[in-house]
Amino acid sequence: MNNHMTTSPTWGLKRDITPRLGARLVQEGTHLHFLSDRANIVGTFSAQAAQALDAAFPALITKLESQLLSGALDPRRQQGITVRHGGFVCEADTLGSHGYVYIAVYQELS
């Protein structure tokens, strides 16, 4: 993963935290698919933080998929949830979109 991207438009949930990864994930049942052309990084992660994010990201996705399975994350209604793993926070919401999950991922503040 690049530790700095400057593409438009900005994807994912809008937050005032930088650096952050924003993305629109595609939902297929209880599975989520990450498409790199529907993601961007706002700000700059250090090389170490980018590597840690690469390692934590699959676990964050698995946790989001569990939230879909339990119904806590519902494709038919807007309701934000938060999951954490490996020093990162992932805020997620379907925004009632029936097929997408919007996320913002950033380092947990100590």
N, C-alpha and C. Protein backbone atom coordinates (compact mmCIF):
# COMPACT_ATOMS: atom_id res chain seq x y z
N MET A 1 0.85 -1.17 0.00
CA MET A 1 0.00 0.00 0.00
C MET A 1 0.89 1.23 0.00
N ASN A 2 0.57 2.20 -0.84
CA ASN A 2 1.27 3.48 -0.83
C ASN A 2 1.00 4.15 0.51
N ASN A 3 1.98 4.85 1.04
CA ASN A 3 1.71 5.55 2.30
C ASN A 3 1.19 6.96 2.05
N HIS A 4 1.07 7.35 0.79
CA HIS A 4 0.52 8.66 0.47
C HIS A 4 -0.08 8.63 -0.93
N MET A 5 -1.35 8.97 -1.02
CA MET A 5 -2.02 9.03 -2.31
C MET A 5 -2.70 10.38 -2.42
N THR A 6 -2.74 10.95 -3.58
CA THR A 6 -3.39 12.24 -3.77
C THR A 6 -4.34 12.15 -4.95
N THR A 7 -5.34 11.31 -4.84
CA THR A 7 -6.29 11.13 -5.92
C THR A 7 -7.62 11.77 -5.55
N SER A 8 -8.42 12.06 -6.55
CA SER A 8 -9.77 12.57 -6.34
C SER A 8 -10.71 11.57 -6.95
N PRO A 9 -11.90 11.44 -6.49
CA PRO A 9 -12.48 12.08 -5.31
C PRO A 9 -12.03 11.41 -4.02
N THR A 10 -12.43 12.00 -2.91
CA THR A 10 -12.14 11.42 -1.61
C THR A 10 -13.19 10.35 -1.33
N TRP A 11 -12.74 9.17 -0.98
CA TRP A 11 -13.64 8.04 -0.73
C TRP A 11 -13.79 7.82 0.77
N GLY A 12 -14.82 7.09 1.13
CA GLY A 12 -15.01 6.70 2.52
C GLY A 12 -15.70 7.76 3.34
N LEU A 13 -15.74 7.51 4.64
CA LEU A 13 -16.35 8.46 5.57
C LEU A 13 -15.43 9.66 5.75
N LYS A 14 -16.02 10.82 5.77
CA LYS A 14 -15.24 12.05 5.95
C LYS A 14 -14.99 12.26 7.45
N ARG A 15 -13.74 12.40 7.80
CA ARG A 15 -13.35 12.64 9.18
C ARG A 15 -12.26 13.70 9.19
N ASP A 16 -12.13 14.40 10.31
CA ASP A 16 -11.11 15.44 10.45
C ASP A 16 -9.80 14.90 10.98
N ILE A 17 -9.56 13.61 10.85
CA ILE A 17 -8.35 12.97 11.36
C ILE A 17 -7.43 12.67 10.19
N THR A 18 -6.17 13.04 10.32
CA THR A 18 -5.18 12.68 9.31
C THR A 18 -3.95 12.14 10.01
N PRO A 19 -3.27 11.21 9.43
CA PRO A 19 -3.62 10.57 8.17
C PRO A 19 -4.73 9.56 8.38
N ARG A 20 -5.47 9.29 7.30
CA ARG A 20 -6.53 8.29 7.34
C ARG A 20 -6.70 7.66 5.97
N LEU A 21 -7.16 6.43 5.98
CA LEU A 21 -7.53 5.72 4.76
C LEU A 21 -9.04 5.80 4.66
N GLY A 22 -9.52 6.26 3.53
CA GLY A 22 -10.96 6.26 3.27
C GLY A 22 -11.23 5.33 2.11
N ALA A 23 -12.34 4.59 2.19
CA ALA A 23 -12.66 3.66 1.10
C ALA A 23 -14.15 3.38 1.07
N ARG A 24 -14.60 3.03 -0.13
CA ARG A 24 -15.95 2.51 -0.31
C ARG A 24 -15.79 1.03 -0.65
N LEU A 25 -16.18 0.17 0.27
CA LEU A 25 -16.08 -1.27 0.08
C LEU A 25 -17.36 -1.76 -0.60
N VAL A 26 -17.23 -2.78 -1.43
CA VAL A 26 -18.39 -3.38 -2.07
C VAL A 26 -18.84 -4.55 -1.21
N GLN A 27 -20.13 -4.54 -0.87
CA GLN A 27 -20.69 -5.60 -0.05
C GLN A 27 -21.36 -6.64 -0.94
N GLU A 28 -21.03 -7.90 -0.69
CA GLU A 28 -21.66 -9.03 -1.37
C GLU A 28 -22.08 -10.01 -0.27
N GLY A 29 -23.35 -9.95 0.11
CA GLY A 29 -23.82 -10.75 1.25
C GLY A 29 -23.11 -10.28 2.51
N THR A 30 -22.40 -11.20 3.16
CA THR A 30 -21.64 -10.82 4.36
C THR A 30 -20.15 -10.69 4.06
N HIS A 31 -19.81 -10.57 2.79
CA HIS A 31 -18.41 -10.40 2.40
C HIS A 31 -18.19 -8.98 1.88
N LEU A 32 -17.00 -8.46 2.15
CA LEU A 32 -16.63 -7.12 1.70
C LEU A 32 -15.44 -7.20 0.77
N HIS A 33 -15.48 -6.40 -0.28
CA HIS A 33 -14.40 -6.37 -1.26
C HIS A 33 -13.80 -4.97 -1.30
N PHE A 34 -12.49 -4.91 -1.16
CA PHE A 34 -11.74 -3.65 -1.23
C PHE A 34 -11.30 -3.43 -2.67
N LEU A 35 -11.65 -2.30 -3.23
CA LEU A 35 -11.22 -1.92 -4.58
C LEU A 35 -10.31 -0.71 -4.46
N SER A 36 -9.07 -0.86 -4.88
CA SER A 36 -8.10 0.22 -4.67
C SER A 36 -8.48 1.51 -5.40
N ASP A 37 -9.27 1.41 -6.48
CA ASP A 37 -9.67 2.63 -7.18
C ASP A 37 -10.84 3.32 -6.49
N ARG A 38 -11.32 2.76 -5.39
CA ARG A 38 -12.37 3.38 -4.58
C ARG A 38 -11.84 3.66 -3.18
N ALA A 39 -10.57 4.03 -3.11
CA ALA A 39 -9.92 4.29 -1.82
C ALA A 39 -8.88 5.39 -2.00
N ASN A 40 -8.62 6.09 -0.94
CA ASN A 40 -7.53 7.06 -0.95
C ASN A 40 -7.05 7.32 0.47
N ILE A 41 -5.85 7.86 0.55
CA ILE A 41 -5.26 8.23 1.83
C ILE A 41 -5.20 9.74 1.89
N VAL A 42 -5.70 10.28 3.00
CA VAL A 42 -5.63 11.71 3.25
C VAL A 42 -4.52 11.92 4.27
N GLY A 43 -3.54 12.74 3.93
CA GLY A 43 -2.38 12.91 4.79
C GLY A 43 -1.32 11.90 4.42
N THR A 44 -0.34 11.74 5.29
CA THR A 44 0.77 10.84 5.01
C THR A 44 1.03 9.94 6.21
N PHE A 45 0.94 8.62 5.99
CA PHE A 45 1.34 7.66 7.01
C PHE A 45 2.86 7.50 6.93
N SER A 46 3.51 7.34 8.07
CA SER A 46 4.93 7.00 8.05
C SER A 46 5.06 5.62 7.42
N ALA A 47 6.26 5.27 6.98
CA ALA A 47 6.48 3.95 6.38
C ALA A 47 6.12 2.85 7.37
N GLN A 48 6.46 3.05 8.63
CA GLN A 48 6.15 2.06 9.67
C GLN A 48 4.64 1.95 9.87
N ALA A 49 3.93 3.07 9.91
CA ALA A 49 2.48 3.04 10.09
C ALA A 49 1.79 2.41 8.88
N ALA A 50 2.28 2.70 7.68
CA ALA A 50 1.71 2.10 6.46
C ALA A 50 1.86 0.59 6.48
N GLN A 51 3.01 0.12 6.93
CA GLN A 51 3.25 -1.32 7.03
C GLN A 51 2.33 -1.94 8.08
N ALA A 52 2.14 -1.26 9.20
CA ALA A 52 1.25 -1.75 10.25
C ALA A 52 -0.20 -1.78 9.76
N LEU A 53 -0.59 -0.77 8.97
CA LEU A 53 -1.94 -0.75 8.40
C LEU A 53 -2.14 -1.91 7.44
N ASP A 54 -1.15 -2.17 6.60
CA ASP A 54 -1.21 -3.33 5.69
C ASP A 54 -1.45 -4.62 6.48
N ALA A 55 -0.79 -4.75 7.61
CA ALA A 55 -0.93 -5.96 8.43
C ALA A 55 -2.29 -6.02 9.13
N ALA A 56 -2.80 -4.88 9.58
CA ALA A 56 -4.05 -4.85 10.34
C ALA A 56 -5.30 -4.86 9.47
N PHE A 57 -5.19 -4.40 8.24
CA PHE A 57 -6.37 -4.21 7.39
C PHE A 57 -7.21 -5.48 7.19
N PRO A 58 -6.62 -6.64 6.89
CA PRO A 58 -7.45 -7.84 6.72
C PRO A 58 -8.27 -8.18 7.97
N ALA A 59 -7.70 -7.99 9.15
CA ALA A 59 -8.44 -8.27 10.39
C ALA A 59 -9.57 -7.27 10.58
N LEU A 60 -9.35 -6.01 10.21
CA LEU A 60 -10.42 -5.02 10.29
C LEU A 60 -11.58 -5.41 9.37
N ILE A 61 -11.26 -5.86 8.17
CA ILE A 61 -12.30 -6.29 7.22
C ILE A 61 -13.07 -7.49 7.79
N THR A 62 -12.36 -8.44 8.37
CA THR A 62 -13.01 -9.61 8.97
C THR A 62 -13.96 -9.18 10.08
N LYS A 63 -13.54 -8.22 10.89
CA LYS A 63 -14.41 -7.72 11.96
C LYS A 63 -15.65 -7.04 11.39
N LEU A 64 -15.48 -6.28 10.30
CA LEU A 64 -16.64 -5.65 9.67
C LEU A 64 -17.59 -6.70 9.10
N GLU A 65 -17.04 -7.74 8.50
CA GLU A 65 -17.88 -8.82 7.97
C GLU A 65 -18.67 -9.49 9.10
N SER A 66 -18.07 -9.64 10.26
CA SER A 66 -18.78 -10.19 11.42
C SER A 66 -19.93 -9.28 11.84
N GLN A 67 -19.72 -7.98 11.72
CA GLN A 67 -20.77 -7.02 12.06
C GLN A 67 -21.92 -7.10 11.06
N LEU A 68 -21.62 -7.38 9.80
CA LEU A 68 -22.68 -7.60 8.80
C LEU A 68 -23.47 -8.86 9.15
N LEU A 69 -22.76 -9.91 9.51
CA LEU A 69 -23.39 -11.18 9.85
C LEU A 69 -24.31 -11.05 11.06
N SER A 70 -23.88 -10.28 12.05
CA SER A 70 -24.68 -10.11 13.28
C SER A 70 -25.82 -9.11 13.10
N GLY A 71 -25.77 -8.31 12.04
CA GLY A 71 -26.80 -7.31 11.81
C GLY A 71 -26.47 -5.95 12.40
N ALA A 72 -25.34 -5.83 13.09
CA ALA A 72 -24.94 -4.54 13.66
C ALA A 72 -24.64 -3.53 12.55
N LEU A 73 -24.15 -4.03 11.43
CA LEU A 73 -23.92 -3.21 10.24
C LEU A 73 -24.97 -3.65 9.23
N ASP A 74 -25.91 -2.76 8.93
CA ASP A 74 -27.08 -3.12 8.12
C ASP A 74 -27.07 -2.34 6.81
N PRO A 75 -27.12 -3.05 5.67
CA PRO A 75 -27.07 -2.35 4.38
C PRO A 75 -28.30 -1.48 4.11
N ARG A 76 -29.37 -1.68 4.87
CA ARG A 76 -30.60 -0.93 4.62
C ARG A 76 -30.75 0.32 5.48
N ARG A 77 -29.88 0.48 6.47
CA ARG A 77 -30.03 1.67 7.32
C ARG A 77 -28.67 2.24 7.70
N GLN A 78 -28.69 3.54 7.88
CA GLN A 78 -27.48 4.25 8.27
C GLN A 78 -27.28 4.10 9.77
N GLN A 79 -26.13 3.56 10.14
CA GLN A 79 -25.75 3.45 11.55
C GLN A 79 -24.27 3.15 11.61
N GLY A 80 -23.51 4.05 12.18
CA GLY A 80 -22.07 3.88 12.25
C GLY A 80 -21.66 2.88 13.32
N ILE A 81 -20.58 2.15 13.01
CA ILE A 81 -19.97 1.24 13.98
C ILE A 81 -18.47 1.50 13.98
N THR A 82 -17.81 1.02 15.01
CA THR A 82 -16.36 1.16 15.12
C THR A 82 -15.76 -0.18 15.51
N VAL A 83 -14.71 -0.57 14.79
CA VAL A 83 -13.93 -1.76 15.15
C VAL A 83 -12.48 -1.34 15.28
N ARG A 84 -11.72 -2.11 16.04
CA ARG A 84 -10.31 -1.79 16.28
C ARG A 84 -9.46 -3.04 16.11
N HIS A 85 -8.24 -2.82 15.62
CA HIS A 85 -7.28 -3.92 15.54
C HIS A 85 -5.89 -3.35 15.27
N GLY A 86 -4.90 -3.88 15.96
CA GLY A 86 -3.51 -3.55 15.69
C GLY A 86 -3.15 -2.08 15.78
N GLY A 87 -3.82 -1.36 16.67
CA GLY A 87 -3.53 0.06 16.84
C GLY A 87 -4.27 0.96 15.87
N PHE A 88 -5.23 0.39 15.12
CA PHE A 88 -6.01 1.18 14.17
C PHE A 88 -7.48 1.13 14.53
N VAL A 89 -8.16 2.23 14.24
CA VAL A 89 -9.60 2.36 14.41
C VAL A 89 -10.21 2.37 13.02
N CYS A 90 -11.29 1.64 12.85
CA CYS A 90 -12.02 1.64 11.58
C CYS A 90 -13.47 2.00 11.88
N GLU A 91 -13.87 3.18 11.42
CA GLU A 91 -15.26 3.58 11.52
C GLU A 91 -15.92 3.16 10.21
N ALA A 92 -17.13 2.62 10.30
CA ALA A 92 -17.81 2.12 9.11
C ALA A 92 -19.30 2.43 9.18
N ASP A 93 -19.89 2.61 7.99
CA ASP A 93 -21.33 2.86 7.88
C ASP A 93 -21.74 2.50 6.46
N THR A 94 -22.89 1.87 6.31
CA THR A 94 -23.41 1.59 4.96
C THR A 94 -24.10 2.82 4.38
N LEU A 95 -24.46 3.76 5.22
CA LEU A 95 -25.21 4.95 4.83
C LEU A 95 -26.51 4.57 4.12
N GLY A 96 -27.01 3.36 4.42
CA GLY A 96 -28.25 2.88 3.82
C GLY A 96 -28.14 2.65 2.33
N SER A 97 -26.94 2.35 1.85
CA SER A 97 -26.66 2.31 0.41
C SER A 97 -27.00 1.01 -0.30
N HIS A 98 -27.37 -0.05 0.44
CA HIS A 98 -27.73 -1.34 -0.17
C HIS A 98 -26.62 -1.90 -1.04
N GLY A 99 -25.40 -1.99 -0.53
CA GLY A 99 -24.35 -2.63 -1.30
C GLY A 99 -22.96 -2.06 -1.11
N TYR A 100 -22.84 -0.99 -0.34
CA TYR A 100 -21.53 -0.40 -0.08
C TYR A 100 -21.35 -0.20 1.42
N VAL A 101 -20.10 -0.27 1.84
CA VAL A 101 -19.74 0.08 3.21
C VAL A 101 -18.64 1.13 3.11
N TYR A 102 -18.87 2.27 3.71
CA TYR A 102 -17.92 3.38 3.69
C TYR A 102 -17.11 3.34 4.97
N ILE A 103 -15.79 3.48 4.84
CA ILE A 103 -14.93 3.37 6.02
C ILE A 103 -13.95 4.54 6.10
N ALA A 104 -13.49 4.77 7.32
CA ALA A 104 -12.37 5.66 7.61
C ALA A 104 -11.49 4.90 8.60
N VAL A 105 -10.22 4.73 8.26
CA VAL A 105 -9.28 3.99 9.11
C VAL A 105 -8.14 4.93 9.49
N TYR A 106 -7.84 4.98 10.77
CA TYR A 106 -6.77 5.85 11.25
C TYR A 106 -6.13 5.22 12.48
N GLN A 107 -4.96 5.72 12.82
CA GLN A 107 -4.25 5.20 13.99
C GLN A 107 -4.97 5.61 15.26
N GLU A 108 -5.04 4.66 16.19
CA GLU A 108 -5.67 4.93 17.48
C GLU A 108 -4.81 5.92 18.25
N LEU A 109 -5.43 6.94 18.77
CA LEU A 109 -4.70 7.94 19.55
C LEU A 109 -4.43 7.40 20.94
N SER A 110 -3.21 7.63 21.45
CA SER A 110 -2.87 7.10 22.77
C SER A 110 -3.22 8.07 23.86
